[in-house]
Amino acid sequence: MNVLFICNQNENRSKTAEEIFKDRFKTKSAGLYNTKPVTERQISWADTVIVMEEAQRSEIAKKFPKQYMLKRILSLDVPDVYHYNQPELIEILKSKIDDVLPSV
C-alpha cells in the first residue's frame, strides 16, 4: 500500500511518520506550505493519504479537488508541537495509525 503522509511543513510529523512506517507501507511525505508543496502527482501515487490535522484535509480538497474525491484521506489529529523523531510523537503516530488502518 502506498501511503502519503502530509503535514504543514514536512519537517517533523509527516517526515517522522514516513520513516517509522516505511517497513509496513510504501511511504512518502510532503508538506502543504513549504518551498516544495505536495503535488498532484504525489497525491495520485498514494492509495491512502494521511494528514496530521483536519484542516490539512480541507486544504487538499481545495488544491486537488479531482484527486480528493478519488482518495481515502484520513486524519490522525496530531498537533504541530513535536520535533522530528521525538519519542512522544513516534508513540502517538504508532497508536493512531492502528486506529485508522487496523487491517494492514
N, C-alpha and C. Protein backbone atom coordinates (compact mmCIF):
# COMPACT_ATOMS: atom_id res chain seq x y z
N MET A 1 0.83 -1.18 0.00
CA MET A 1 0.00 0.00 0.00
C MET A 1 0.88 1.24 0.00
N ASN A 2 0.58 2.19 -0.88
CA ASN A 2 1.29 3.46 -0.94
C ASN A 2 0.60 4.46 -0.01
N VAL A 3 1.35 4.96 0.97
CA VAL A 3 0.79 5.88 1.96
C VAL A 3 1.59 7.18 1.91
N LEU A 4 0.86 8.28 1.70
CA LEU A 4 1.47 9.62 1.69
C LEU A 4 1.07 10.33 2.98
N PHE A 5 2.06 10.73 3.76
CA PHE A 5 1.83 11.47 5.00
C PHE A 5 2.03 12.95 4.72
N ILE A 6 1.08 13.76 5.17
CA ILE A 6 1.13 15.21 4.90
C ILE A 6 0.97 15.98 6.20
N CYS A 7 1.84 17.00 6.37
CA CYS A 7 1.66 17.98 7.44
C CYS A 7 1.93 19.36 6.84
N ASN A 8 2.10 20.36 7.67
CA ASN A 8 2.25 21.72 7.15
C ASN A 8 3.56 21.95 6.41
N GLN A 9 4.68 21.62 7.06
CA GLN A 9 5.99 21.94 6.50
C GLN A 9 6.80 20.71 6.06
N ASN A 10 6.35 19.53 6.38
CA ASN A 10 7.08 18.29 6.11
C ASN A 10 8.46 18.31 6.77
N GLU A 11 8.47 18.75 8.02
CA GLU A 11 9.72 18.76 8.77
C GLU A 11 9.70 17.80 9.95
N ASN A 12 8.56 17.66 10.60
CA ASN A 12 8.51 16.88 11.83
C ASN A 12 7.53 15.71 11.76
N ARG A 13 6.25 15.99 11.75
CA ARG A 13 5.25 14.94 11.85
C ARG A 13 5.23 13.99 10.66
N SER A 14 5.06 14.53 9.46
CA SER A 14 4.96 13.64 8.29
C SER A 14 6.29 12.96 7.98
N LYS A 15 7.40 13.64 8.19
CA LYS A 15 8.71 13.02 7.97
C LYS A 15 8.94 11.87 8.95
N THR A 16 8.55 12.08 10.20
CA THR A 16 8.67 11.01 11.20
C THR A 16 7.80 9.83 10.81
N ALA A 17 6.56 10.09 10.40
CA ALA A 17 5.65 9.02 10.00
C ALA A 17 6.20 8.26 8.80
N GLU A 18 6.72 8.99 7.82
CA GLU A 18 7.31 8.33 6.65
C GLU A 18 8.40 7.35 7.08
N GLU A 19 9.22 7.77 7.99
CA GLU A 19 10.35 6.97 8.44
C GLU A 19 9.90 5.75 9.25
N ILE A 20 9.01 5.95 10.21
CA ILE A 20 8.69 4.83 11.11
C ILE A 20 7.76 3.79 10.48
N PHE A 21 7.04 4.16 9.40
CA PHE A 21 6.14 3.20 8.77
C PHE A 21 6.65 2.64 7.44
N LYS A 22 7.90 2.95 7.09
CA LYS A 22 8.43 2.50 5.79
C LYS A 22 8.58 0.99 5.68
N ASP A 23 8.64 0.30 6.82
CA ASP A 23 8.71 -1.17 6.78
C ASP A 23 7.33 -1.81 6.65
N ARG A 24 6.30 -1.02 6.89
CA ARG A 24 4.92 -1.52 6.87
C ARG A 24 4.19 -1.17 5.58
N PHE A 25 4.55 0.00 5.00
CA PHE A 25 3.93 0.51 3.77
C PHE A 25 5.02 1.07 2.86
N LYS A 26 4.64 1.38 1.62
CA LYS A 26 5.49 2.22 0.77
C LYS A 26 5.12 3.64 1.15
N THR A 27 6.07 4.38 1.70
CA THR A 27 5.74 5.70 2.27
C THR A 27 6.46 6.84 1.57
N LYS A 28 5.78 7.96 1.57
CA LYS A 28 6.35 9.24 1.17
C LYS A 28 5.75 10.28 2.11
N SER A 29 6.37 11.45 2.15
CA SER A 29 5.81 12.54 2.95
C SER A 29 5.91 13.84 2.18
N ALA A 30 5.05 14.77 2.55
CA ALA A 30 5.02 16.07 1.88
C ALA A 30 4.44 17.11 2.83
N GLY A 31 4.67 18.37 2.47
CA GLY A 31 4.09 19.48 3.24
C GLY A 31 3.13 20.27 2.37
N LEU A 32 2.29 21.02 3.01
CA LEU A 32 1.34 21.88 2.27
C LEU A 32 1.87 23.29 2.07
N TYR A 33 2.70 23.77 2.99
CA TYR A 33 3.09 25.18 2.98
C TYR A 33 4.58 25.41 2.95
N ASN A 34 5.34 24.43 2.47
CA ASN A 34 6.79 24.60 2.42
C ASN A 34 7.22 25.05 1.03
N THR A 35 8.53 25.08 0.77
CA THR A 35 9.02 25.59 -0.51
C THR A 35 8.71 24.66 -1.68
N LYS A 36 8.51 23.36 -1.39
CA LYS A 36 8.12 22.39 -2.43
C LYS A 36 6.86 21.67 -1.96
N PRO A 37 5.70 22.33 -2.06
CA PRO A 37 4.47 21.73 -1.52
C PRO A 37 4.05 20.48 -2.27
N VAL A 38 3.20 19.70 -1.61
CA VAL A 38 2.68 18.46 -2.17
C VAL A 38 2.15 18.70 -3.59
N THR A 39 2.36 17.72 -4.45
CA THR A 39 1.97 17.86 -5.85
C THR A 39 0.81 16.92 -6.19
N GLU A 40 0.17 17.19 -7.29
CA GLU A 40 -0.89 16.34 -7.80
C GLU A 40 -0.36 14.92 -8.03
N ARG A 41 0.86 14.84 -8.52
CA ARG A 41 1.48 13.54 -8.78
C ARG A 41 1.65 12.71 -7.49
N GLN A 42 2.06 13.38 -6.42
CA GLN A 42 2.21 12.68 -5.14
C GLN A 42 0.86 12.17 -4.63
N ILE A 43 -0.15 13.02 -4.73
CA ILE A 43 -1.50 12.61 -4.30
C ILE A 43 -1.96 11.42 -5.14
N SER A 44 -1.73 11.47 -6.44
CA SER A 44 -2.15 10.39 -7.33
C SER A 44 -1.42 9.08 -7.02
N TRP A 45 -0.16 9.17 -6.62
CA TRP A 45 0.64 7.99 -6.28
C TRP A 45 0.05 7.21 -5.10
N ALA A 46 -0.51 7.93 -4.16
CA ALA A 46 -0.93 7.33 -2.89
C ALA A 46 -2.23 6.55 -3.00
N ASP A 47 -2.24 5.40 -2.32
CA ASP A 47 -3.51 4.68 -2.13
C ASP A 47 -4.28 5.33 -0.99
N THR A 48 -3.56 5.77 0.01
CA THR A 48 -4.14 6.44 1.17
C THR A 48 -3.29 7.66 1.49
N VAL A 49 -3.96 8.77 1.76
CA VAL A 49 -3.29 10.00 2.19
C VAL A 49 -3.64 10.19 3.66
N ILE A 50 -2.62 10.40 4.47
CA ILE A 50 -2.84 10.62 5.90
C ILE A 50 -2.34 12.01 6.26
N VAL A 51 -3.26 12.84 6.74
CA VAL A 51 -2.92 14.19 7.18
C VAL A 51 -2.81 14.19 8.70
N MET A 52 -2.10 15.17 9.21
CA MET A 52 -1.91 15.25 10.65
C MET A 52 -3.00 16.06 11.34
N GLU A 53 -3.68 16.95 10.59
CA GLU A 53 -4.74 17.77 11.15
C GLU A 53 -5.89 17.86 10.15
N GLU A 54 -7.09 17.99 10.66
CA GLU A 54 -8.28 18.04 9.80
C GLU A 54 -8.22 19.19 8.81
N ALA A 55 -7.65 20.32 9.19
CA ALA A 55 -7.56 21.48 8.28
C ALA A 55 -6.74 21.14 7.03
N GLN A 56 -5.81 20.22 7.15
CA GLN A 56 -4.99 19.83 6.00
C GLN A 56 -5.82 19.06 4.98
N ARG A 57 -6.79 18.31 5.44
CA ARG A 57 -7.70 17.61 4.53
C ARG A 57 -8.48 18.64 3.69
N SER A 58 -8.94 19.69 4.33
CA SER A 58 -9.67 20.75 3.62
C SER A 58 -8.79 21.44 2.59
N GLU A 59 -7.54 21.65 2.94
CA GLU A 59 -6.60 22.29 2.01
C GLU A 59 -6.37 21.41 0.79
N ILE A 60 -6.25 20.12 0.99
CA ILE A 60 -6.09 19.19 -0.14
C ILE A 60 -7.33 19.24 -1.03
N ALA A 61 -8.49 19.29 -0.42
CA ALA A 61 -9.75 19.37 -1.20
C ALA A 61 -9.77 20.63 -2.08
N LYS A 62 -9.26 21.74 -1.55
CA LYS A 62 -9.23 23.00 -2.33
C LYS A 62 -8.20 22.94 -3.46
N LYS A 63 -7.02 22.41 -3.16
CA LYS A 63 -5.94 22.40 -4.14
C LYS A 63 -6.06 21.30 -5.19
N PHE A 64 -6.64 20.16 -4.79
CA PHE A 64 -6.70 18.99 -5.68
C PHE A 64 -8.10 18.37 -5.65
N PRO A 65 -9.12 19.09 -6.12
CA PRO A 65 -10.49 18.58 -5.98
C PRO A 65 -10.73 17.24 -6.66
N LYS A 66 -10.15 17.01 -7.82
CA LYS A 66 -10.36 15.73 -8.52
C LYS A 66 -9.76 14.57 -7.73
N GLN A 67 -8.51 14.71 -7.32
CA GLN A 67 -7.85 13.65 -6.57
C GLN A 67 -8.51 13.45 -5.21
N TYR A 68 -8.95 14.53 -4.61
CA TYR A 68 -9.59 14.46 -3.30
C TYR A 68 -10.79 13.52 -3.32
N MET A 69 -11.56 13.59 -4.37
CA MET A 69 -12.77 12.76 -4.47
C MET A 69 -12.43 11.28 -4.70
N LEU A 70 -11.24 11.01 -5.20
CA LEU A 70 -10.86 9.64 -5.53
C LEU A 70 -10.03 8.96 -4.44
N LYS A 71 -9.58 9.71 -3.45
CA LYS A 71 -8.63 9.18 -2.47
C LYS A 71 -9.27 9.00 -1.10
N ARG A 72 -8.73 8.03 -0.40
CA ARG A 72 -9.07 7.89 1.02
C ARG A 72 -8.10 8.78 1.77
N ILE A 73 -8.64 9.79 2.43
CA ILE A 73 -7.81 10.75 3.18
C ILE A 73 -8.23 10.67 4.64
N LEU A 74 -7.27 10.31 5.47
CA LEU A 74 -7.53 10.10 6.89
C LEU A 74 -6.73 11.11 7.72
N SER A 75 -7.31 11.52 8.83
CA SER A 75 -6.63 12.47 9.72
C SER A 75 -6.25 11.78 11.02
N LEU A 76 -5.03 12.02 11.46
CA LEU A 76 -4.56 11.47 12.73
C LEU A 76 -4.77 12.42 13.90
N ASP A 77 -5.08 13.68 13.63
CA ASP A 77 -5.27 14.69 14.68
C ASP A 77 -4.07 14.77 15.61
N VAL A 78 -2.90 14.99 15.00
CA VAL A 78 -1.66 15.15 15.76
C VAL A 78 -1.25 16.63 15.67
N PRO A 79 -1.26 17.36 16.79
CA PRO A 79 -0.93 18.78 16.75
C PRO A 79 0.53 19.04 16.38
N ASP A 80 0.79 20.24 15.90
CA ASP A 80 2.13 20.62 15.46
C ASP A 80 2.95 21.13 16.64
N VAL A 81 3.24 20.23 17.57
CA VAL A 81 4.00 20.61 18.77
C VAL A 81 5.20 19.69 19.00
N TYR A 82 5.49 18.84 18.02
CA TYR A 82 6.55 17.84 18.19
C TYR A 82 7.72 18.11 17.26
N HIS A 83 8.86 17.53 17.62
CA HIS A 83 10.06 17.60 16.79
C HIS A 83 10.22 16.29 16.03
N TYR A 84 11.04 16.33 14.99
CA TYR A 84 11.32 15.15 14.18
C TYR A 84 11.83 14.00 15.06
N ASN A 85 11.20 12.84 14.91
CA ASN A 85 11.57 11.62 15.63
C ASN A 85 11.51 11.73 17.15
N GLN A 86 10.76 12.69 17.66
CA GLN A 86 10.58 12.81 19.11
C GLN A 86 9.86 11.55 19.61
N PRO A 87 10.35 10.93 20.69
CA PRO A 87 9.75 9.68 21.17
C PRO A 87 8.23 9.76 21.40
N GLU A 88 7.75 10.87 21.95
CA GLU A 88 6.31 11.03 22.17
C GLU A 88 5.55 11.05 20.85
N LEU A 89 6.12 11.69 19.83
CA LEU A 89 5.49 11.74 18.51
C LEU A 89 5.43 10.34 17.92
N ILE A 90 6.51 9.59 18.02
CA ILE A 90 6.54 8.22 17.48
C ILE A 90 5.47 7.37 18.16
N GLU A 91 5.35 7.49 19.46
CA GLU A 91 4.35 6.71 20.21
C GLU A 91 2.93 7.07 19.76
N ILE A 92 2.66 8.35 19.61
CA ILE A 92 1.32 8.80 19.17
C ILE A 92 1.03 8.30 17.76
N LEU A 93 1.99 8.46 16.85
CA LEU A 93 1.77 8.02 15.47
C LEU A 93 1.49 6.53 15.40
N LYS A 94 2.25 5.74 16.14
CA LYS A 94 2.06 4.29 16.12
C LYS A 94 0.69 3.90 16.66
N SER A 95 0.25 4.55 17.71
CA SER A 95 -1.06 4.19 18.27
C SER A 95 -2.19 4.66 17.35
N LYS A 96 -2.04 5.80 16.73
CA LYS A 96 -3.11 6.32 15.88
C LYS A 96 -3.19 5.62 14.53
N ILE A 97 -2.08 5.17 14.00
CA ILE A 97 -2.11 4.50 12.69
C ILE A 97 -2.92 3.21 12.80
N ASP A 98 -2.84 2.54 13.93
CA ASP A 98 -3.62 1.31 14.12
C ASP A 98 -5.12 1.60 14.18
N ASP A 99 -5.48 2.79 14.62
CA ASP A 99 -6.89 3.17 14.65
C ASP A 99 -7.44 3.43 13.24
N VAL A 100 -6.64 4.03 12.37
CA VAL A 100 -7.14 4.39 11.03
C VAL A 100 -6.87 3.32 10.00
N LEU A 101 -5.84 2.51 10.19
CA LEU A 101 -5.52 1.42 9.25
C LEU A 101 -5.36 0.10 10.01
N PRO A 102 -6.40 -0.37 10.69
CA PRO A 102 -6.25 -1.54 11.55
C PRO A 102 -6.00 -2.85 10.82
N SER A 103 -6.46 -2.96 9.60
CA SER A 103 -6.37 -4.25 8.92
C SER A 103 -5.06 -4.46 8.16
N VAL A 104 -4.20 -3.46 8.15
CA VAL A 104 -2.98 -3.56 7.35
C VAL A 104 -1.82 -3.96 8.23
